[in-house]
N, C-alpha and C. Protein backbone atom coordinates (compact mmCIF):
# COMPACT_ATOMS: atom_id res chain seq x y z
N MET A 1 -30.60 -59.97 -3.02
CA MET A 1 -30.76 -59.50 -4.20
C MET A 1 -30.35 -58.34 -3.51
N ARG A 2 -29.78 -56.94 -4.34
CA ARG A 2 -29.33 -56.38 -4.05
C ARG A 2 -29.50 -55.10 -3.56
N ASN A 3 -29.61 -54.02 -2.71
CA ASN A 3 -30.80 -53.01 -2.47
C ASN A 3 -30.00 -52.08 -3.14
N GLN A 4 -30.63 -51.18 -3.91
CA GLN A 4 -30.87 -50.32 -4.95
C GLN A 4 -29.55 -49.29 -4.56
N ASP A 5 -29.34 -49.21 -2.87
CA ASP A 5 -28.40 -47.85 -2.61
C ASP A 5 -27.15 -48.48 -2.88
N ASP A 6 -26.88 -49.75 -2.95
CA ASP A 6 -25.71 -50.28 -3.12
C ASP A 6 -24.99 -50.22 -4.90
N LEU A 7 -25.84 -50.06 -5.34
CA LEU A 7 -25.39 -50.11 -6.88
C LEU A 7 -24.77 -48.39 -7.17
N PRO A 8 -23.83 -49.01 -8.13
CA PRO A 8 -22.78 -47.90 -8.31
C PRO A 8 -23.62 -46.74 -9.28
N TYR A 9 -23.49 -45.43 -8.94
CA TYR A 9 -23.97 -44.74 -9.85
C TYR A 9 -23.15 -43.23 -10.06
N ILE A 10 -23.40 -42.73 -11.18
CA ILE A 10 -22.53 -41.65 -12.19
C ILE A 10 -23.17 -40.29 -12.22
N ILE A 11 -22.60 -39.47 -11.21
CA ILE A 11 -22.97 -37.90 -11.75
C ILE A 11 -22.01 -37.41 -12.28
N VAL A 12 -22.67 -36.40 -13.23
CA VAL A 12 -21.80 -35.64 -14.47
C VAL A 12 -22.23 -34.56 -14.51
N GLU A 13 -21.14 -34.33 -14.19
CA GLU A 13 -21.16 -32.15 -13.95
C GLU A 13 -20.65 -31.75 -14.94
N ARG A 14 -20.95 -30.34 -15.94
CA ARG A 14 -20.19 -29.51 -16.54
C ARG A 14 -20.08 -28.11 -16.36
N ASP A 15 -18.96 -27.32 -16.48
CA ASP A 15 -19.28 -26.06 -16.31
C ASP A 15 -18.54 -25.19 -17.74
N SER A 16 -19.55 -25.49 -18.56
CA SER A 16 -18.85 -24.88 -19.57
C SER A 16 -19.09 -23.47 -19.53
N GLY A 17 -19.22 -22.65 -18.89
CA GLY A 17 -19.47 -21.10 -18.79
C GLY A 17 -20.25 -20.72 -19.94
N GLY A 18 -21.30 -21.66 -20.92
CA GLY A 18 -21.76 -20.80 -22.16
C GLY A 18 -23.70 -20.92 -21.34
N SER A 19 -23.68 -20.47 -20.18
CA SER A 19 -24.97 -20.34 -20.06
C SER A 19 -25.96 -19.18 -20.94
N PHE A 20 -25.55 -19.05 -21.88
CA PHE A 20 -26.79 -17.71 -22.62
C PHE A 20 -27.33 -18.97 -23.75
N GLY A 21 -26.41 -20.32 -23.92
CA GLY A 21 -26.99 -20.77 -24.88
C GLY A 21 -27.78 -21.82 -24.22
N SER A 22 -27.43 -22.13 -23.29
CA SER A 22 -28.20 -22.85 -22.33
C SER A 22 -30.13 -21.73 -21.87
N PHE A 23 -30.02 -20.95 -21.45
CA PHE A 23 -30.82 -20.44 -21.26
C PHE A 23 -31.35 -20.08 -22.57
N CYS A 24 -30.85 -19.95 -24.06
CA CYS A 24 -32.18 -20.19 -24.93
C CYS A 24 -32.50 -20.87 -25.64
N LEU A 25 -31.69 -22.17 -25.36
CA LEU A 25 -32.42 -23.25 -25.45
C LEU A 25 -33.45 -23.85 -24.80
N GLY A 26 -33.57 -23.55 -23.36
CA GLY A 26 -34.58 -23.73 -22.48
C GLY A 26 -35.35 -23.31 -22.35
N ALA A 27 -35.46 -21.44 -23.16
CA ALA A 27 -36.95 -20.71 -23.41
C ALA A 27 -37.39 -21.53 -24.57
N LEU A 28 -36.52 -21.72 -25.69
CA LEU A 28 -36.98 -21.84 -26.95
C LEU A 28 -37.86 -23.40 -26.37
N VAL A 29 -37.84 -24.42 -25.92
CA VAL A 29 -38.07 -25.82 -25.61
C VAL A 29 -39.17 -25.20 -24.68
N GLY A 30 -39.16 -24.70 -23.64
CA GLY A 30 -40.42 -23.68 -22.94
C GLY A 30 -41.27 -23.87 -23.88
N ALA A 31 -41.28 -22.54 -24.84
CA ALA A 31 -42.29 -22.09 -25.37
C ALA A 31 -43.28 -23.44 -26.26
N GLY A 32 -42.21 -24.34 -26.80
CA GLY A 32 -42.59 -25.23 -27.68
C GLY A 32 -43.66 -25.94 -26.92
N LEU A 33 -43.12 -26.16 -25.27
CA LEU A 33 -44.18 -27.44 -24.31
C LEU A 33 -45.37 -26.26 -23.95
N ALA A 34 -44.98 -25.36 -23.80
CA ALA A 34 -46.58 -24.02 -23.55
C ALA A 34 -47.39 -24.44 -24.81
N LEU A 35 -46.84 -23.92 -26.15
CA LEU A 35 -47.36 -24.27 -27.36
C LEU A 35 -48.53 -25.77 -27.30
N LEU A 36 -47.95 -26.46 -27.00
CA LEU A 36 -48.44 -28.46 -27.01
C LEU A 36 -49.21 -28.07 -25.92
N PHE A 37 -49.44 -27.70 -24.99
CA PHE A 37 -50.00 -28.13 -23.82
C PHE A 37 -51.20 -27.26 -23.72
N ALA A 38 -51.35 -25.88 -24.40
CA ALA A 38 -52.25 -24.69 -23.82
C ALA A 38 -53.42 -25.27 -24.66
N PRO A 39 -54.12 -24.54 -24.20
CA PRO A 39 -55.71 -25.17 -24.44
C PRO A 39 -56.31 -23.52 -24.74
N GLN A 40 -55.89 -22.60 -25.46
CA GLN A 40 -56.12 -21.48 -25.93
C GLN A 40 -56.67 -21.20 -27.59
N SER A 41 -56.86 -20.59 -27.85
CA SER A 41 -57.47 -19.95 -29.21
C SER A 41 -56.25 -19.82 -30.04
N GLY A 42 -56.06 -20.21 -31.52
CA GLY A 42 -54.93 -19.43 -32.33
C GLY A 42 -54.09 -18.17 -32.20
N GLU A 43 -55.58 -16.92 -31.97
CA GLU A 43 -54.52 -15.44 -31.19
C GLU A 43 -54.25 -15.38 -30.24
N GLU A 44 -54.87 -15.98 -29.05
CA GLU A 44 -53.95 -15.90 -28.07
C GLU A 44 -52.92 -17.06 -27.95
N THR A 45 -52.43 -17.84 -28.57
CA THR A 45 -51.39 -18.78 -28.80
C THR A 45 -50.35 -17.85 -29.63
N GLN A 46 -50.85 -17.14 -30.77
CA GLN A 46 -49.93 -16.34 -30.93
C GLN A 46 -49.56 -14.69 -30.70
N GLU A 47 -50.75 -14.45 -29.68
CA GLU A 47 -50.35 -13.24 -28.65
C GLU A 47 -48.87 -13.38 -27.87
N GLU A 48 -49.61 -14.80 -26.87
CA GLU A 48 -48.79 -15.69 -25.96
C GLU A 48 -46.65 -15.44 -26.07
N ILE A 49 -46.82 -15.97 -28.14
CA ILE A 49 -45.76 -16.44 -28.58
C ILE A 49 -44.76 -15.25 -28.60
N ARG A 50 -45.43 -13.83 -29.12
CA ARG A 50 -45.34 -12.89 -29.11
C ARG A 50 -44.95 -12.23 -28.08
N ALA A 51 -45.30 -12.48 -26.57
CA ALA A 51 -44.66 -11.75 -25.30
C ALA A 51 -43.82 -12.71 -24.89
N ARG A 52 -43.55 -14.07 -25.16
CA ARG A 52 -42.55 -14.72 -24.62
C ARG A 52 -41.20 -14.82 -25.33
N ALA A 53 -41.67 -14.20 -27.28
CA ALA A 53 -40.18 -13.87 -27.83
C ALA A 53 -40.11 -12.26 -27.59
N GLN A 54 -41.01 -11.76 -27.09
CA GLN A 54 -40.28 -9.89 -26.10
C GLN A 54 -39.70 -10.18 -25.33
N LYS A 55 -40.18 -10.86 -24.51
CA LYS A 55 -39.05 -11.47 -23.09
C LYS A 55 -38.12 -11.76 -22.93
N LEU A 56 -37.73 -12.86 -24.01
CA LEU A 56 -36.54 -13.91 -24.38
C LEU A 56 -35.72 -12.75 -25.92
N ARG A 57 -36.10 -11.82 -26.05
CA ARG A 57 -35.31 -10.53 -26.99
C ARG A 57 -34.60 -9.97 -25.51
N ALA A 58 -35.74 -9.63 -24.63
CA ALA A 58 -35.14 -8.23 -23.74
C ALA A 58 -33.98 -9.05 -23.22
N ALA A 59 -34.25 -10.71 -22.09
CA ALA A 59 -33.39 -11.21 -21.68
C ALA A 59 -32.28 -11.27 -22.35
N ALA A 60 -32.37 -11.38 -23.58
CA ALA A 60 -31.27 -11.48 -24.43
C ALA A 60 -30.39 -10.20 -24.79
N GLU A 61 -31.31 -8.90 -24.48
CA GLU A 61 -30.45 -7.77 -24.77
C GLU A 61 -29.32 -7.52 -23.42
N GLU A 62 -30.33 -7.96 -21.94
CA GLU A 62 -29.94 -7.38 -21.07
C GLU A 62 -28.63 -8.12 -20.63
N ARG A 63 -28.55 -9.21 -21.12
CA ARG A 63 -27.30 -10.43 -21.01
C ARG A 63 -26.28 -9.78 -21.82
N LEU A 64 -26.56 -9.23 -22.94
CA LEU A 64 -25.80 -8.84 -24.13
C LEU A 64 -25.13 -7.92 -23.34
N LYS A 65 -26.04 -6.41 -22.98
CA LYS A 65 -25.41 -5.59 -22.08
C LYS A 65 -24.48 -6.14 -21.15
N GLU A 66 -24.87 -6.79 -19.99
CA GLU A 66 -24.31 -7.45 -19.53
C GLU A 66 -22.51 -7.71 -19.60
N ALA A 67 -22.38 -8.38 -20.28
CA ALA A 67 -21.79 -8.44 -21.30
C ALA A 67 -20.79 -7.53 -21.84
N GLN A 68 -21.42 -6.78 -22.54
CA GLN A 68 -20.42 -5.57 -22.82
C GLN A 68 -19.83 -4.57 -21.67
N VAL A 69 -20.36 -4.51 -20.76
CA VAL A 69 -20.11 -3.80 -19.82
C VAL A 69 -18.82 -4.72 -19.05
N SER A 70 -19.30 -5.70 -19.06
CA SER A 70 -17.64 -6.94 -18.33
C SER A 70 -16.60 -6.64 -19.08
N LEU A 71 -17.10 -6.48 -20.84
CA LEU A 71 -15.81 -6.43 -21.47
C LEU A 71 -15.17 -5.46 -21.23
N GLU A 72 -15.79 -3.92 -21.34
CA GLU A 72 -15.56 -2.90 -20.91
C GLU A 72 -15.07 -2.56 -20.25
N ASP A 73 -15.13 -2.92 -18.42
CA ASP A 73 -14.29 -3.55 -17.60
C ASP A 73 -13.37 -3.75 -17.32
N ARG A 74 -13.40 -4.95 -18.45
CA ARG A 74 -11.66 -5.73 -18.59
C ARG A 74 -10.64 -4.70 -19.36
N LEU A 75 -11.06 -4.06 -20.79
CA LEU A 75 -10.77 -3.36 -21.32
C LEU A 75 -10.37 -2.18 -20.81
N GLY A 76 -10.35 -1.38 -19.95
CA GLY A 76 -10.26 -0.66 -18.78
C GLY A 76 -8.84 -0.96 -18.20
N ASN A 77 -9.50 -1.82 -17.08
CA ASN A 77 -8.28 -2.41 -16.60
C ASN A 77 -6.85 -2.63 -17.49
N VAL A 78 -7.03 -3.22 -18.64
CA VAL A 78 -6.26 -3.88 -18.96
C VAL A 78 -5.44 -2.56 -19.80
N ARG A 79 -6.16 -1.37 -20.74
CA ARG A 79 -5.48 0.16 -20.66
C ARG A 79 -4.92 0.15 -19.47
N ASP A 80 -5.14 0.53 -18.57
CA ASP A 80 -4.61 1.41 -17.56
C ASP A 80 -3.47 0.36 -17.04
N GLY A 81 -3.39 -0.55 -16.57
CA GLY A 81 -2.37 -1.51 -16.61
C GLY A 81 -1.23 -1.25 -17.95
N VAL A 82 -1.67 -1.00 -19.22
CA VAL A 82 -0.83 -0.70 -19.52
C VAL A 82 0.13 1.02 -20.06
N GLU A 83 -1.32 1.41 -19.82
CA GLU A 83 -0.52 2.87 -19.62
C GLU A 83 0.61 2.71 -18.42
N SER A 84 -0.01 2.24 -17.27
CA SER A 84 1.33 2.25 -16.36
C SER A 84 2.41 2.14 -16.05
N ARG A 85 2.17 1.06 -17.54
CA ARG A 85 3.71 0.42 -17.73
C ARG A 85 4.44 1.10 -18.92
N VAL A 86 3.53 1.79 -19.61
CA VAL A 86 4.48 2.48 -20.58
C VAL A 86 5.24 3.75 -19.78
N GLU A 87 4.07 4.33 -18.96
CA GLU A 87 4.86 5.79 -18.23
C GLU A 87 6.28 5.32 -17.28
N LEU A 88 6.27 3.95 -16.40
CA LEU A 88 7.18 3.35 -16.03
C LEU A 88 8.61 3.52 -16.54
N VAL A 89 8.55 2.47 -18.38
CA VAL A 89 9.27 2.55 -19.21
C VAL A 89 9.79 4.41 -20.02
N ARG A 90 8.93 5.42 -20.00
CA ARG A 90 9.20 6.43 -19.74
C ARG A 90 10.27 7.04 -19.33
N ASP A 91 9.78 6.84 -17.86
CA ASP A 91 10.48 7.38 -16.54
C ASP A 91 11.84 6.37 -16.64
N ALA A 92 11.84 5.23 -17.18
CA ALA A 92 12.98 4.65 -16.80
C ALA A 92 14.10 5.36 -18.00
N VAL A 93 13.56 5.25 -19.48
CA VAL A 93 14.10 5.76 -20.55
C VAL A 93 15.02 7.16 -19.87
N GLU A 94 13.98 8.33 -19.60
CA GLU A 94 14.34 9.32 -18.89
C GLU A 94 15.58 9.49 -18.04
N SER A 95 15.27 8.62 -17.15
CA SER A 95 16.35 8.60 -15.71
C SER A 95 17.59 8.20 -16.57
N GLY A 96 17.63 7.04 -17.40
CA GLY A 96 18.76 6.66 -18.21
C GLY A 96 19.20 7.86 -19.04
N ARG A 97 18.77 8.65 -19.79
CA ARG A 97 19.50 9.72 -20.61
C ARG A 97 19.95 10.81 -19.13
N VAL A 98 19.47 11.09 -18.65
CA VAL A 98 19.92 12.25 -17.01
C VAL A 98 21.14 11.32 -17.04
N ALA A 99 21.36 10.20 -16.36
CA ALA A 99 21.97 9.35 -16.13
C ALA A 99 23.60 9.27 -17.07
N ALA A 100 23.16 9.11 -18.04
CA ALA A 100 24.06 9.00 -19.51
C ALA A 100 24.65 10.10 -19.59
N ALA A 101 23.90 11.23 -19.77
CA ALA A 101 24.51 12.92 -19.53
C ALA A 101 25.49 13.68 -18.26
N GLU A 102 25.02 12.97 -17.25
CA GLU A 102 25.59 13.21 -16.29
C GLU A 102 27.11 12.26 -16.10
N ALA A 103 27.06 11.62 -16.35
CA ALA A 103 28.29 10.41 -17.06
C ALA A 103 29.56 11.35 -18.36
N ARG A 104 28.59 11.92 -19.06
CA ARG A 104 29.46 11.89 -20.33
C ARG A 104 30.29 13.46 -19.68
N THR A 105 29.24 14.30 -18.97
CA THR A 105 29.79 15.54 -18.10
C THR A 105 31.00 15.12 -17.38
N ASP A 106 30.59 14.22 -16.71
CA ASP A 106 31.91 13.84 -15.98
C ASP A 106 33.14 13.36 -16.49
N LEU A 107 32.60 12.87 -17.62
CA LEU A 107 33.88 12.48 -18.06
C LEU A 107 34.99 13.53 -19.07
N GLU A 108 33.94 13.78 -19.89
CA GLU A 108 34.83 15.33 -20.29
C GLU A 108 35.11 16.41 -19.34
N ALA A 109 34.84 16.25 -18.19
CA ALA A 109 35.82 17.00 -16.93
C ALA A 109 36.87 16.32 -16.79
N LYS A 110 37.08 15.50 -16.64
CA LYS A 110 38.55 14.58 -16.25
C LYS A 110 39.15 14.50 -17.47
N LEU A 111 38.43 14.25 -18.31
CA LEU A 111 39.10 14.79 -19.96
C LEU A 111 39.97 15.78 -20.07
N GLU A 112 39.26 16.98 -19.70
CA GLU A 112 39.94 18.56 -19.70
C GLU A 112 41.14 18.24 -18.35
N ARG A 113 40.78 17.52 -17.12
CA ARG A 113 41.50 17.63 -15.51
C ARG A 113 42.85 17.22 -16.30
N SER A 114 42.76 15.94 -17.34
CA SER A 114 44.07 14.89 -17.94
C SER A 114 44.79 16.17 -18.82
N LYS A 115 43.94 16.72 -20.01
CA LYS A 115 45.02 17.33 -21.07
C LYS A 115 45.22 18.27 -20.39
N ALA A 116 44.91 19.20 -19.20
CA ALA A 116 45.89 20.44 -18.80
C ALA A 116 47.01 19.70 -17.77
N ALA A 117 46.83 18.59 -17.15
CA ALA A 117 48.34 18.27 -16.44
C ALA A 117 48.87 17.48 -17.30
N ALA A 118 48.46 16.83 -18.34
CA ALA A 118 49.62 16.51 -19.67
C ALA A 118 50.70 17.80 -20.27
N LYS A 119 49.74 19.15 -20.31
CA LYS A 119 50.06 19.72 -21.27
C LYS A 119 50.98 21.04 -19.64
N ALA A 120 50.76 20.87 -18.56
CA ALA A 120 51.66 21.13 -17.14
C ALA A 120 52.83 20.37 -17.37
N GLY A 121 52.61 18.92 -17.49
CA GLY A 121 53.66 18.42 -17.36
C GLY A 121 54.75 18.25 -18.81
N ILE A 122 53.96 18.55 -19.57
CA ILE A 122 55.16 18.54 -21.19
C ILE A 122 55.79 20.02 -20.78
N ALA A 123 55.01 21.00 -19.98
CA ALA A 123 55.73 22.62 -19.83
C ALA A 123 56.36 22.33 -19.10
N ALA A 124 56.60 22.04 -18.03
CA ALA A 124 57.27 21.14 -17.08
C ALA A 124 58.40 20.98 -17.52
N ALA A 125 58.41 19.77 -18.39
CA ALA A 125 59.45 18.85 -19.24
C ALA A 125 60.11 20.25 -19.80
N LYS A 126 59.86 20.78 -20.74
CA LYS A 126 60.60 21.63 -21.14
C LYS A 126 61.51 22.49 -20.40
N GLU A 127 60.74 23.26 -20.02
CA GLU A 127 60.92 24.20 -18.99
C GLU A 127 62.63 23.40 -18.35
N ALA A 128 62.60 22.28 -17.43
CA ALA A 128 63.68 21.78 -17.12
C ALA A 128 64.74 21.05 -18.15
N ALA A 129 64.17 20.87 -19.15
CA ALA A 129 65.50 20.38 -20.74
C ALA A 129 65.72 22.00 -20.48
N ALA A 130 64.98 23.17 -20.49
CA ALA A 130 65.81 24.38 -21.17
C ALA A 130 66.67 24.80 -19.99
N ASP A 131 66.33 24.60 -18.53
CA ASP A 131 67.02 24.62 -17.54
C ASP A 131 68.27 24.19 -17.81
N GLY A 132 68.48 22.97 -18.25
CA GLY A 132 69.35 21.59 -18.02
C GLY A 132 70.26 22.21 -19.24
N ALA A 133 69.89 22.98 -20.35
CA ALA A 133 70.15 23.42 -21.21
C ALA A 133 70.98 24.20 -21.40
N GLY A 134 70.71 24.70 -20.86
CA GLY A 134 71.12 26.54 -20.64
C GLY A 134 72.69 26.86 -19.95
N SER A 135 72.92 25.79 -18.87
CA SER A 135 74.54 25.89 -18.08
C SER A 135 74.65 24.50 -18.87
N PRO A 136 75.92 24.42 -19.76
CA PRO A 136 76.28 23.17 -20.02
C PRO A 136 78.27 23.45 -19.47
N GLU A 137 78.25 24.23 -18.57
CA GLU A 137 79.53 24.26 -18.13
C GLU A 137 79.27 23.25 -16.86
N ASP A 138 78.35 23.37 -16.32
CA ASP A 138 77.83 23.09 -14.92
C ASP A 138 78.04 21.20 -15.26
N ASP A 139 77.23 20.63 -16.09
CA ASP A 139 77.64 19.30 -16.71
C ASP A 139 78.87 19.24 -16.75
N ALA A 140 79.39 19.58 -17.69
CA ALA A 140 81.02 19.34 -17.56
C ALA A 140 81.97 19.42 -16.29
N GLY A 141 81.80 20.57 -15.20
CA GLY A 141 82.04 20.52 -14.33
C GLY A 141 81.98 19.59 -13.23
N GLU A 142 81.44 18.69 -13.39
CA GLU A 142 80.50 17.45 -12.09
C GLU A 142 81.15 16.18 -13.12
N ASN A 143 81.80 15.74 -14.40
CA ASN A 143 82.38 15.41 -14.62
C ASN A 143 83.66 15.27 -14.07
């Protein structure tokens, strides 16, 4: 005959995270069993039911407050993270605007220098052409 320790066994574990539902179910089952096995009068039982209902309500309200505080904390953390990222984006946009303005100023200055150089080149060419056109006999004597 086999030993009972040699038999396979199964362990079922659940981690649903829904402890509030389990809490309420346990409270209701406990209250029902208390009613069945209580050797009390009807008034005493009703009073006990009222007391347990008040305790259950207080416990539920406490859990609700804890959940609310936890949710508010999480929302605050998310809000802070979003605000910091928005601030980073604003700073980046402002830096981009400043860089664009500086680049535009530099390009405008280079354009003005190029225009001035072009005008100076044109003026020098006209002057050279005028000097060369003013003495045609020099050109004829060289030939």
